[in-house]
Structures are given as structure tokens and as C-alpha cells.
């Protein structure tokens, strides 16, 4: 998902994204939604959240070796 869309989503939840990286913004959104803030963490190795909005981005980061 593009960073601009993520920032808009964060703003709608009252999250100030100034100087935040994409990973930190997504995790803040996850916390605001009372979800596990697991985006791009080692949890991806055993993640079974198939309907997660962030899954594709998370997997692409893992597959790109970041």
C-alpha cells in the first residue's frame, strides 16, 4: 500500500505520522485498532492472519530480504 494512503488512514485514527517510517505507522494503526502490532516483525515466519490488510506488504518486505 502506498505511504500516502497509509498516512491518510493513520490520520483518520488520530495518529501523527510526522517523521515516522512506514513500518512504524502501520504498527501504530494496528495498535489503534486493538490488533497485534506485528508488521514486519519475525512473527511473519508463522503468521496465519490471511485476511490482514498489511499481509502483502509484510510478505514483500520479508521476500526482499529487508
N, C-alpha and C. Protein backbone atom coordinates (compact mmCIF):
# COMPACT_ATOMS: atom_id res chain seq x y z
N UNK A 1 0.85 -1.16 0.00
CA UNK A 1 0.00 0.00 0.00
C UNK A 1 0.91 1.24 0.00
N UNK A 2 0.50 2.24 -0.72
CA UNK A 2 1.31 3.46 -0.82
C UNK A 2 1.31 4.22 0.51
N UNK A 3 2.43 4.84 0.79
CA UNK A 3 2.61 5.55 2.05
C UNK A 3 1.56 6.65 2.23
N UNK A 4 1.15 7.29 1.16
CA UNK A 4 0.14 8.35 1.27
C UNK A 4 -1.18 7.80 1.79
N UNK A 5 -1.58 6.64 1.31
CA UNK A 5 -2.82 6.01 1.77
C UNK A 5 -2.71 5.62 3.25
N UNK A 6 -1.54 5.12 3.61
CA UNK A 6 -1.32 4.72 5.00
C UNK A 6 -1.37 5.94 5.91
N UNK A 7 -0.77 7.04 5.48
CA UNK A 7 -0.80 8.27 6.28
C UNK A 7 -2.23 8.79 6.45
N UNK A 8 -3.03 8.73 5.41
CA UNK A 8 -4.43 9.15 5.49
C UNK A 8 -5.18 8.27 6.49
N UNK A 9 -4.95 6.97 6.40
CA UNK A 9 -5.60 6.04 7.31
C UNK A 9 -5.19 6.35 8.76
N UNK A 10 -3.91 6.60 8.96
CA UNK A 10 -3.41 6.92 10.30
C UNK A 10 -4.04 8.20 10.82
N UNK A 11 -4.09 9.21 9.99
CA UNK A 11 -4.66 10.49 10.39
C UNK A 11 -6.12 10.32 10.81
N UNK A 12 -6.86 9.48 10.10
CA UNK A 12 -8.26 9.25 10.44
C UNK A 12 -8.41 8.59 11.81
N UNK A 13 -7.33 7.98 12.30
CA UNK A 13 -7.34 7.34 13.61
C UNK A 13 -6.66 8.21 14.66
N UNK A 14 -6.32 9.44 14.28
CA UNK A 14 -5.71 10.38 15.23
C UNK A 14 -4.23 10.16 15.46
N UNK A 15 -3.56 9.53 14.53
CA UNK A 15 -2.13 9.23 14.66
C UNK A 15 -1.33 10.28 13.91
N UNK A 16 -0.38 10.91 14.61
CA UNK A 16 0.51 11.88 13.99
C UNK A 16 1.67 11.12 13.36
N UNK A 17 1.81 11.19 12.06
CA UNK A 17 2.83 10.40 11.34
C UNK A 17 4.10 11.18 11.03
N UNK A 18 4.23 12.37 11.56
CA UNK A 18 5.41 13.19 11.28
C UNK A 18 6.68 12.45 11.64
N UNK A 19 7.57 12.34 10.66
CA UNK A 19 8.88 11.69 10.80
C UNK A 19 8.81 10.21 11.16
N UNK A 20 7.69 9.58 10.85
CA UNK A 20 7.55 8.15 11.11
C UNK A 20 7.81 7.37 9.84
N UNK A 21 8.45 6.22 9.98
CA UNK A 21 8.65 5.31 8.86
C UNK A 21 7.37 4.52 8.63
N UNK A 22 7.25 3.98 7.44
CA UNK A 22 6.06 3.20 7.07
C UNK A 22 5.79 2.10 8.09
N UNK A 23 6.82 1.39 8.48
CA UNK A 23 6.66 0.30 9.44
C UNK A 23 6.06 0.80 10.74
N UNK A 24 6.56 1.92 11.23
CA UNK A 24 6.06 2.47 12.49
C UNK A 24 4.63 2.96 12.37
N UNK A 25 4.29 3.53 11.22
CA UNK A 25 2.91 4.00 11.00
C UNK A 25 1.95 2.81 11.00
N UNK A 26 2.31 1.77 10.26
CA UNK A 26 1.43 0.59 10.19
C UNK A 26 1.25 -0.01 11.58
N UNK A 27 2.32 -0.11 12.34
CA UNK A 27 2.21 -0.67 13.69
C UNK A 27 1.35 0.21 14.58
N UNK A 28 1.44 1.52 14.43
CA UNK A 28 0.59 2.42 15.20
C UNK A 28 -0.88 2.23 14.84
N UNK A 29 -1.15 2.03 13.56
CA UNK A 29 -2.52 1.76 13.12
C UNK A 29 -3.00 0.43 13.72
N UNK A 30 -2.15 -0.58 13.68
CA UNK A 30 -2.51 -1.87 14.25
C UNK A 30 -2.87 -1.73 15.74
N UNK A 31 -2.06 -0.97 16.48
CA UNK A 31 -2.35 -0.76 17.91
C UNK A 31 -3.65 0.00 18.10
N UNK A 32 -3.88 1.03 17.27
CA UNK A 32 -5.10 1.83 17.37
C UNK A 32 -6.34 0.98 17.11
N UNK A 33 -6.20 -0.06 16.31
CA UNK A 33 -7.31 -0.96 16.00
C UNK A 33 -7.38 -2.14 16.98
N UNK A 34 -6.57 -2.08 18.04
CA UNK A 34 -6.50 -3.16 19.03
C UNK A 34 -6.10 -4.50 18.43
N UNK A 35 -5.16 -4.43 17.49
CA UNK A 35 -4.58 -5.63 16.88
C UNK A 35 -3.14 -5.75 17.33
N UNK A 36 -2.56 -6.89 17.09
CA UNK A 36 -1.14 -7.10 17.39
C UNK A 36 -0.33 -6.24 16.44
N UNK A 37 0.62 -5.48 16.97
CA UNK A 37 1.45 -4.61 16.12
C UNK A 37 2.66 -5.42 15.62
N UNK A 38 2.38 -6.25 14.63
CA UNK A 38 3.35 -7.24 14.18
C UNK A 38 3.94 -6.96 12.79
N UNK A 39 3.58 -5.86 12.17
CA UNK A 39 4.02 -5.59 10.80
C UNK A 39 5.54 -5.65 10.69
N UNK A 40 6.02 -6.50 9.80
CA UNK A 40 7.46 -6.67 9.50
C UNK A 40 8.27 -7.08 10.73
N UNK A 41 7.69 -7.91 11.56
CA UNK A 41 8.41 -8.48 12.69
C UNK A 41 8.68 -9.95 12.38
N UNK A 42 9.47 -10.62 13.18
CA UNK A 42 9.73 -12.04 12.95
C UNK A 42 8.47 -12.91 12.98
N UNK A 43 7.38 -12.36 13.47
CA UNK A 43 6.12 -13.12 13.51
C UNK A 43 5.68 -13.57 12.12
N UNK A 44 6.14 -12.93 11.08
CA UNK A 44 5.74 -13.28 9.72
C UNK A 44 6.11 -14.73 9.39
N UNK A 45 7.09 -15.28 10.09
CA UNK A 45 7.51 -16.65 9.84
C UNK A 45 6.40 -17.66 10.13
N UNK A 46 5.48 -17.29 11.02
CA UNK A 46 4.40 -18.22 11.37
C UNK A 46 3.03 -17.53 11.38
N UNK A 47 2.89 -16.45 10.66
CA UNK A 47 1.65 -15.68 10.63
C UNK A 47 0.55 -16.45 9.90
N UNK A 48 -0.61 -16.49 10.53
CA UNK A 48 -1.74 -17.15 9.88
C UNK A 48 -2.91 -16.17 9.69
N UNK A 49 -2.60 -14.90 9.73
CA UNK A 49 -3.61 -13.85 9.54
C UNK A 49 -3.82 -13.62 8.04
N UNK A 50 -4.55 -14.51 7.42
CA UNK A 50 -4.70 -14.48 5.96
C UNK A 50 -5.50 -13.28 5.46
N UNK A 51 -6.33 -12.70 6.29
CA UNK A 51 -7.15 -11.56 5.88
C UNK A 51 -6.58 -10.21 6.32
N UNK A 52 -5.37 -10.21 6.80
CA UNK A 52 -4.72 -8.98 7.27
C UNK A 52 -4.53 -8.00 6.11
N UNK A 53 -4.90 -6.76 6.35
CA UNK A 53 -4.76 -5.71 5.35
C UNK A 53 -3.30 -5.51 4.95
N UNK A 54 -2.39 -5.76 5.85
CA UNK A 54 -0.96 -5.49 5.65
C UNK A 54 -0.18 -6.71 5.18
N UNK A 55 -0.81 -7.83 5.04
CA UNK A 55 -0.11 -9.09 4.76
C UNK A 55 0.78 -9.03 3.51
N UNK A 56 0.25 -8.53 2.41
CA UNK A 56 1.05 -8.48 1.17
C UNK A 56 2.30 -7.63 1.33
N UNK A 57 2.15 -6.46 1.96
CA UNK A 57 3.31 -5.60 2.19
C UNK A 57 4.31 -6.29 3.11
N UNK A 58 3.80 -6.91 4.13
CA UNK A 58 4.66 -7.58 5.11
C UNK A 58 5.45 -8.71 4.43
N UNK A 59 4.77 -9.51 3.66
CA UNK A 59 5.43 -10.61 2.96
C UNK A 59 6.43 -10.10 1.92
N UNK A 60 6.11 -8.99 1.26
CA UNK A 60 7.04 -8.48 0.25
C UNK A 60 8.33 -7.97 0.91
N UNK A 61 8.22 -7.41 2.09
CA UNK A 61 9.41 -6.96 2.81
C UNK A 61 10.27 -8.17 3.17
N UNK A 62 9.63 -9.21 3.65
CA UNK A 62 10.36 -10.43 4.01
C UNK A 62 11.04 -11.03 2.79
N UNK A 63 10.33 -11.08 1.67
CA UNK A 63 10.88 -11.68 0.46
C UNK A 63 11.96 -10.85 -0.19
N UNK A 64 11.99 -9.55 0.12
CA UNK A 64 13.04 -8.69 -0.42
C UNK A 64 14.26 -8.66 0.48
N UNK A 65 14.22 -9.41 1.57
CA UNK A 65 15.39 -9.54 2.44
C UNK A 65 15.65 -8.36 3.33
N UNK A 66 14.67 -7.54 3.58
CA UNK A 66 14.88 -6.38 4.47
C UNK A 66 14.81 -6.78 5.91
